[in-house]
Amino acid sequence: MSGRHEMVDAMCAAVDKGDAEAFGSWFADDATYRFGNQEPLTGKAAIIDATAGAAGALPWVRHTVDQVAELGDQLFCRFTIETATPDGEHLTLPCVTVMWLREDQVVDYRVHMDISPAF
């Protein structure tokens, strides 16, 4: 497993623990982040705040990394995300994330996922 695959595992583990700071530590100060059709966020602080908010909105979350493909400085990651609906029903959702890296820092992060069934 490459260092980049380990990075993806560590990022997922941080989100699963609700540790927005640890997740955000992988981002460059000027990074951009876009979740689905939402407006892009710019800057590490905004990404950490949004991650903390998202983690707080779900009862729990667990990421399974299904695939990581590297193409130069891009990572294409396929995940299975598990959580629960507001009434406690177990939910499994597909997710694809594309990351652009500068050395070992994320400079652009795009999440392609429909999270609406969780709400």
N, C-alpha and C. Protein backbone atom coordinates (compact mmCIF):
# COMPACT_ATOMS: atom_id res chain seq x y z
N MET A 1 0.85 -1.18 0.00
CA MET A 1 0.00 0.00 0.00
C MET A 1 0.89 1.24 0.00
N SER A 2 0.54 2.17 -0.87
CA SER A 2 1.35 3.39 -0.96
C SER A 2 1.03 4.34 0.18
N GLY A 3 1.89 5.32 0.38
CA GLY A 3 1.64 6.35 1.38
C GLY A 3 0.35 7.10 1.13
N ARG A 4 -0.01 7.24 -0.14
CA ARG A 4 -1.26 7.93 -0.47
C ARG A 4 -2.48 7.09 -0.05
N HIS A 5 -2.39 5.79 -0.18
CA HIS A 5 -3.49 4.93 0.27
C HIS A 5 -3.61 5.02 1.79
N GLU A 6 -2.48 5.05 2.47
CA GLU A 6 -2.50 5.19 3.93
C GLU A 6 -3.09 6.54 4.33
N MET A 7 -2.81 7.59 3.55
CA MET A 7 -3.38 8.90 3.80
C MET A 7 -4.91 8.83 3.72
N VAL A 8 -5.44 8.19 2.69
CA VAL A 8 -6.89 8.06 2.53
C VAL A 8 -7.48 7.30 3.73
N ASP A 9 -6.84 6.22 4.15
CA ASP A 9 -7.31 5.48 5.32
C ASP A 9 -7.32 6.36 6.57
N ALA A 10 -6.27 7.15 6.76
CA ALA A 10 -6.19 8.03 7.93
C ALA A 10 -7.25 9.13 7.88
N MET A 11 -7.50 9.68 6.70
CA MET A 11 -8.54 10.70 6.56
C MET A 11 -9.91 10.12 6.90
N CYS A 12 -10.19 8.92 6.41
CA CYS A 12 -11.47 8.27 6.71
C CYS A 12 -11.60 7.98 8.21
N ALA A 13 -10.55 7.48 8.81
CA ALA A 13 -10.58 7.18 10.24
C ALA A 13 -10.84 8.44 11.05
N ALA A 14 -10.27 9.56 10.64
CA ALA A 14 -10.49 10.82 11.36
C ALA A 14 -11.95 11.22 11.29
N VAL A 15 -12.56 11.14 10.11
CA VAL A 15 -13.97 11.50 9.97
C VAL A 15 -14.83 10.54 10.79
N ASP A 16 -14.52 9.25 10.75
CA ASP A 16 -15.30 8.26 11.50
C ASP A 16 -15.24 8.52 13.01
N LYS A 17 -14.14 9.09 13.49
CA LYS A 17 -14.00 9.43 14.91
C LYS A 17 -14.56 10.81 15.23
N GLY A 18 -14.97 11.55 14.20
CA GLY A 18 -15.46 12.90 14.42
C GLY A 18 -14.35 13.90 14.67
N ASP A 19 -13.13 13.58 14.23
CA ASP A 19 -11.96 14.43 14.46
C ASP A 19 -11.70 15.31 13.23
N ALA A 20 -12.43 16.43 13.17
CA ALA A 20 -12.32 17.32 12.02
C ALA A 20 -10.92 17.92 11.89
N GLU A 21 -10.26 18.18 13.01
CA GLU A 21 -8.90 18.74 12.97
C GLU A 21 -7.94 17.78 12.30
N ALA A 22 -8.02 16.50 12.66
CA ALA A 22 -7.12 15.50 12.05
C ALA A 22 -7.41 15.37 10.57
N PHE A 23 -8.70 15.38 10.19
CA PHE A 23 -9.06 15.34 8.77
C PHE A 23 -8.49 16.56 8.06
N GLY A 24 -8.68 17.73 8.64
CA GLY A 24 -8.22 18.97 8.03
C GLY A 24 -6.72 19.10 7.92
N SER A 25 -5.99 18.36 8.74
CA SER A 25 -4.53 18.45 8.73
C SER A 25 -3.92 17.99 7.41
N TRP A 26 -4.67 17.26 6.61
CA TRP A 26 -4.17 16.77 5.32
C TRP A 26 -4.29 17.81 4.21
N PHE A 27 -4.96 18.94 4.50
CA PHE A 27 -5.24 19.95 3.47
C PHE A 27 -4.23 21.09 3.50
N ALA A 28 -3.93 21.61 2.31
CA ALA A 28 -3.12 22.83 2.19
C ALA A 28 -3.96 24.00 2.71
N ASP A 29 -3.29 25.05 3.16
CA ASP A 29 -3.99 26.22 3.70
C ASP A 29 -4.96 26.84 2.70
N ASP A 30 -4.65 26.74 1.40
CA ASP A 30 -5.48 27.35 0.36
C ASP A 30 -6.33 26.32 -0.39
N ALA A 31 -6.54 25.17 0.20
CA ALA A 31 -7.28 24.09 -0.47
C ALA A 31 -8.73 24.48 -0.71
N THR A 32 -9.33 23.83 -1.71
CA THR A 32 -10.76 23.95 -1.97
C THR A 32 -11.42 22.60 -1.72
N TYR A 33 -12.70 22.65 -1.34
CA TYR A 33 -13.46 21.46 -0.97
C TYR A 33 -14.89 21.66 -1.46
N ARG A 34 -15.39 20.65 -2.16
CA ARG A 34 -16.78 20.74 -2.64
C ARG A 34 -17.48 19.43 -2.38
N PHE A 35 -18.62 19.49 -1.71
CA PHE A 35 -19.45 18.31 -1.44
C PHE A 35 -20.69 18.40 -2.32
N GLY A 36 -20.79 17.46 -3.26
CA GLY A 36 -21.95 17.42 -4.14
C GLY A 36 -22.16 18.73 -4.87
N ASN A 37 -23.40 19.24 -4.81
CA ASN A 37 -23.75 20.48 -5.51
C ASN A 37 -23.60 21.72 -4.63
N GLN A 38 -23.06 21.56 -3.44
CA GLN A 38 -22.88 22.71 -2.56
C GLN A 38 -21.80 23.64 -3.11
N GLU A 39 -21.82 24.86 -2.64
CA GLU A 39 -20.80 25.82 -3.04
C GLU A 39 -19.44 25.35 -2.53
N PRO A 40 -18.38 25.55 -3.31
CA PRO A 40 -17.04 25.15 -2.84
C PRO A 40 -16.61 25.98 -1.63
N LEU A 41 -15.87 25.32 -0.75
CA LEU A 41 -15.25 25.98 0.38
C LEU A 41 -13.79 26.23 0.04
N THR A 42 -13.23 27.31 0.58
CA THR A 42 -11.81 27.59 0.36
C THR A 42 -11.15 27.82 1.70
N GLY A 43 -10.02 27.13 1.89
CA GLY A 43 -9.21 27.30 3.10
C GLY A 43 -9.39 26.17 4.09
N LYS A 44 -8.30 25.83 4.74
CA LYS A 44 -8.28 24.73 5.70
C LYS A 44 -9.28 24.96 6.84
N ALA A 45 -9.38 26.18 7.37
CA ALA A 45 -10.28 26.46 8.49
C ALA A 45 -11.74 26.20 8.10
N ALA A 46 -12.13 26.62 6.89
CA ALA A 46 -13.50 26.40 6.43
C ALA A 46 -13.78 24.91 6.26
N ILE A 47 -12.79 24.17 5.79
CA ILE A 47 -12.95 22.73 5.60
C ILE A 47 -13.10 22.03 6.94
N ILE A 48 -12.32 22.43 7.93
CA ILE A 48 -12.42 21.84 9.27
C ILE A 48 -13.79 22.15 9.87
N ASP A 49 -14.24 23.39 9.76
CA ASP A 49 -15.56 23.77 10.30
C ASP A 49 -16.68 22.97 9.65
N ALA A 50 -16.64 22.84 8.32
CA ALA A 50 -17.68 22.09 7.62
C ALA A 50 -17.66 20.62 7.99
N THR A 51 -16.47 20.06 8.16
CA THR A 51 -16.35 18.65 8.54
C THR A 51 -16.91 18.43 9.93
N ALA A 52 -16.62 19.33 10.85
CA ALA A 52 -17.16 19.22 12.21
C ALA A 52 -18.68 19.30 12.18
N GLY A 53 -19.22 20.20 11.37
CA GLY A 53 -20.67 20.32 11.25
C GLY A 53 -21.32 19.09 10.68
N ALA A 54 -20.72 18.53 9.65
CA ALA A 54 -21.26 17.33 9.01
C ALA A 54 -21.20 16.14 9.97
N ALA A 55 -20.09 16.01 10.69
CA ALA A 55 -19.95 14.91 11.64
C ALA A 55 -20.99 15.03 12.75
N GLY A 56 -21.29 16.25 13.15
CA GLY A 56 -22.28 16.46 14.20
C GLY A 56 -23.70 16.24 13.73
N ALA A 57 -23.94 16.28 12.43
CA ALA A 57 -25.30 16.12 11.89
C ALA A 57 -25.70 14.66 11.75
N LEU A 58 -24.73 13.75 11.76
CA LEU A 58 -25.01 12.32 11.61
C LEU A 58 -24.83 11.63 12.96
N PRO A 59 -25.64 10.61 13.24
CA PRO A 59 -25.48 9.91 14.53
C PRO A 59 -24.13 9.18 14.64
N TRP A 60 -23.66 8.67 13.52
CA TRP A 60 -22.36 8.01 13.42
C TRP A 60 -22.07 7.82 11.93
N VAL A 61 -20.81 7.58 11.62
CA VAL A 61 -20.44 7.32 10.23
C VAL A 61 -19.26 6.36 10.20
N ARG A 62 -19.25 5.50 9.19
CA ARG A 62 -18.14 4.58 8.99
C ARG A 62 -17.85 4.49 7.50
N HIS A 63 -16.59 4.73 7.16
CA HIS A 63 -16.14 4.65 5.77
C HIS A 63 -15.45 3.30 5.53
N THR A 64 -15.76 2.68 4.42
CA THR A 64 -14.99 1.54 3.93
C THR A 64 -14.37 1.97 2.62
N VAL A 65 -13.06 1.88 2.53
CA VAL A 65 -12.36 2.25 1.29
C VAL A 65 -12.44 1.05 0.36
N ASP A 66 -13.16 1.22 -0.75
CA ASP A 66 -13.32 0.14 -1.71
C ASP A 66 -12.24 0.15 -2.77
N GLN A 67 -11.76 1.36 -3.12
CA GLN A 67 -10.74 1.45 -4.17
C GLN A 67 -10.08 2.82 -4.12
N VAL A 68 -8.78 2.85 -4.33
CA VAL A 68 -8.04 4.09 -4.52
C VAL A 68 -7.21 3.92 -5.79
N ALA A 69 -7.44 4.80 -6.75
CA ALA A 69 -6.67 4.78 -7.99
C ALA A 69 -5.89 6.08 -8.09
N GLU A 70 -4.62 5.97 -8.41
CA GLU A 70 -3.76 7.14 -8.54
C GLU A 70 -3.51 7.43 -10.02
N LEU A 71 -3.60 8.70 -10.35
CA LEU A 71 -3.27 9.15 -11.70
C LEU A 71 -2.49 10.45 -11.53
N GLY A 72 -1.18 10.34 -11.54
CA GLY A 72 -0.33 11.50 -11.29
C GLY A 72 -0.59 12.05 -9.89
N ASP A 73 -0.99 13.32 -9.81
CA ASP A 73 -1.28 13.95 -8.53
C ASP A 73 -2.75 13.91 -8.17
N GLN A 74 -3.49 13.01 -8.79
CA GLN A 74 -4.90 12.86 -8.47
C GLN A 74 -5.15 11.49 -7.86
N LEU A 75 -6.07 11.46 -6.90
CA LEU A 75 -6.56 10.22 -6.33
C LEU A 75 -8.04 10.11 -6.60
N PHE A 76 -8.47 8.97 -7.08
CA PHE A 76 -9.88 8.68 -7.29
C PHE A 76 -10.24 7.60 -6.28
N CYS A 77 -11.10 7.94 -5.34
CA CYS A 77 -11.40 7.05 -4.22
C CYS A 77 -12.88 6.66 -4.25
N ARG A 78 -13.12 5.37 -4.13
CA ARG A 78 -14.49 4.85 -4.08
C ARG A 78 -14.71 4.29 -2.69
N PHE A 79 -15.79 4.74 -2.06
CA PHE A 79 -16.09 4.36 -0.68
C PHE A 79 -17.49 3.78 -0.56
N THR A 80 -17.70 3.02 0.51
CA THR A 80 -19.02 2.69 0.99
C THR A 80 -19.14 3.40 2.34
N ILE A 81 -20.17 4.24 2.47
CA ILE A 81 -20.38 5.00 3.68
C ILE A 81 -21.58 4.41 4.41
N GLU A 82 -21.39 4.10 5.68
CA GLU A 82 -22.48 3.60 6.49
C GLU A 82 -22.81 4.63 7.56
N THR A 83 -24.11 4.79 7.81
CA THR A 83 -24.60 5.68 8.87
C THR A 83 -26.01 5.22 9.22
N ALA A 84 -26.74 6.08 9.90
CA ALA A 84 -28.13 5.76 10.24
C ALA A 84 -29.02 6.93 9.90
N THR A 85 -30.27 6.61 9.58
CA THR A 85 -31.27 7.64 9.34
C THR A 85 -31.71 8.21 10.69
N PRO A 86 -32.44 9.32 10.69
CA PRO A 86 -32.92 9.88 11.96
C PRO A 86 -33.75 8.90 12.81
N ASP A 87 -34.42 7.95 12.15
CA ASP A 87 -35.20 6.97 12.93
C ASP A 87 -34.39 5.72 13.28
N GLY A 88 -33.08 5.76 13.02
CA GLY A 88 -32.19 4.68 13.45
C GLY A 88 -31.97 3.57 12.44
N GLU A 89 -32.57 3.68 11.28
CA GLU A 89 -32.39 2.64 10.26
C GLU A 89 -30.97 2.69 9.68
N HIS A 90 -30.33 1.54 9.58
CA HIS A 90 -28.99 1.45 9.01
C HIS A 90 -29.03 1.83 7.54
N LEU A 91 -28.03 2.59 7.12
CA LEU A 91 -28.00 3.11 5.76
C LEU A 91 -26.61 2.91 5.17
N THR A 92 -26.55 2.43 3.94
CA THR A 92 -25.29 2.25 3.21
C THR A 92 -25.37 3.06 1.93
N LEU A 93 -24.37 3.96 1.74
CA LEU A 93 -24.38 4.87 0.60
C LEU A 93 -23.07 4.79 -0.18
N PRO A 94 -23.14 4.88 -1.51
CA PRO A 94 -21.91 4.92 -2.31
C PRO A 94 -21.36 6.34 -2.35
N CYS A 95 -20.05 6.44 -2.51
CA CYS A 95 -19.39 7.75 -2.56
C CYS A 95 -18.13 7.63 -3.41
N VAL A 96 -17.88 8.67 -4.21
CA VAL A 96 -16.62 8.78 -4.95
C VAL A 96 -16.04 10.14 -4.63
N THR A 97 -14.76 10.17 -4.31
CA THR A 97 -14.06 11.41 -4.02
C THR A 97 -12.86 11.52 -4.96
N VAL A 98 -12.66 12.73 -5.48
CA VAL A 98 -11.50 13.01 -6.31
C VAL A 98 -10.66 14.04 -5.58
N MET A 99 -9.39 13.73 -5.41
CA MET A 99 -8.46 14.63 -4.72
C MET A 99 -7.31 15.00 -5.63
N TRP A 100 -6.94 16.28 -5.61
CA TRP A 100 -5.73 16.73 -6.27
C TRP A 100 -4.73 17.04 -5.17
N LEU A 101 -3.51 16.56 -5.34
CA LEU A 101 -2.48 16.70 -4.31
C LEU A 101 -1.33 17.57 -4.81
N ARG A 102 -0.74 18.26 -3.88
CA ARG A 102 0.53 18.95 -4.09
C ARG A 102 1.45 18.33 -3.04
N GLU A 103 2.37 17.51 -3.50
CA GLU A 103 3.19 16.69 -2.61
C GLU A 103 2.25 15.86 -1.75
N ASP A 104 2.25 16.00 -0.43
CA ASP A 104 1.38 15.18 0.41
C ASP A 104 0.21 15.96 0.99
N GLN A 105 -0.12 17.10 0.38
CA GLN A 105 -1.25 17.89 0.87
C GLN A 105 -2.35 17.93 -0.18
N VAL A 106 -3.58 17.88 0.29
CA VAL A 106 -4.74 17.98 -0.60
C VAL A 106 -4.95 19.45 -0.93
N VAL A 107 -5.04 19.76 -2.23
CA VAL A 107 -5.30 21.13 -2.65
C VAL A 107 -6.71 21.30 -3.24
N ASP A 108 -7.33 20.20 -3.64
CA ASP A 108 -8.70 20.23 -4.14
C ASP A 108 -9.34 18.89 -3.82
N TYR A 109 -10.54 18.94 -3.22
CA TYR A 109 -11.21 17.73 -2.75
C TYR A 109 -12.66 17.83 -3.18
N ARG A 110 -13.13 16.85 -3.94
CA ARG A 110 -14.51 16.87 -4.45
C ARG A 110 -15.20 15.57 -4.11
N VAL A 111 -16.31 15.69 -3.40
CA VAL A 111 -17.10 14.54 -2.98
C VAL A 111 -18.31 14.43 -3.89
N HIS A 112 -18.47 13.26 -4.50
CA HIS A 112 -19.61 12.98 -5.37
C HIS A 112 -20.48 11.94 -4.66
N MET A 113 -21.54 12.45 -3.99
CA MET A 113 -22.36 11.58 -3.15
C MET A 113 -23.70 12.25 -2.91
N ASP A 114 -24.74 11.45 -2.79
CA ASP A 114 -26.05 11.93 -2.39
C ASP A 114 -26.26 11.53 -0.93
N ILE A 115 -26.10 12.49 -0.03
CA ILE A 115 -26.23 12.24 1.41
C ILE A 115 -27.69 12.39 1.88
N SER A 116 -28.58 12.85 1.00
CA SER A 116 -29.96 13.17 1.42
C SER A 116 -30.70 12.01 2.09
N PRO A 117 -30.48 10.73 1.72
CA PRO A 117 -31.20 9.67 2.44
C PRO A 117 -30.89 9.63 3.94
N ALA A 118 -29.76 10.20 4.36
CA ALA A 118 -29.41 10.19 5.78
C ALA A 118 -30.23 11.20 6.58
N PHE A 119 -30.93 12.10 5.89
CA PHE A 119 -31.68 13.14 6.58
C PHE A 119 -33.16 13.02 6.34
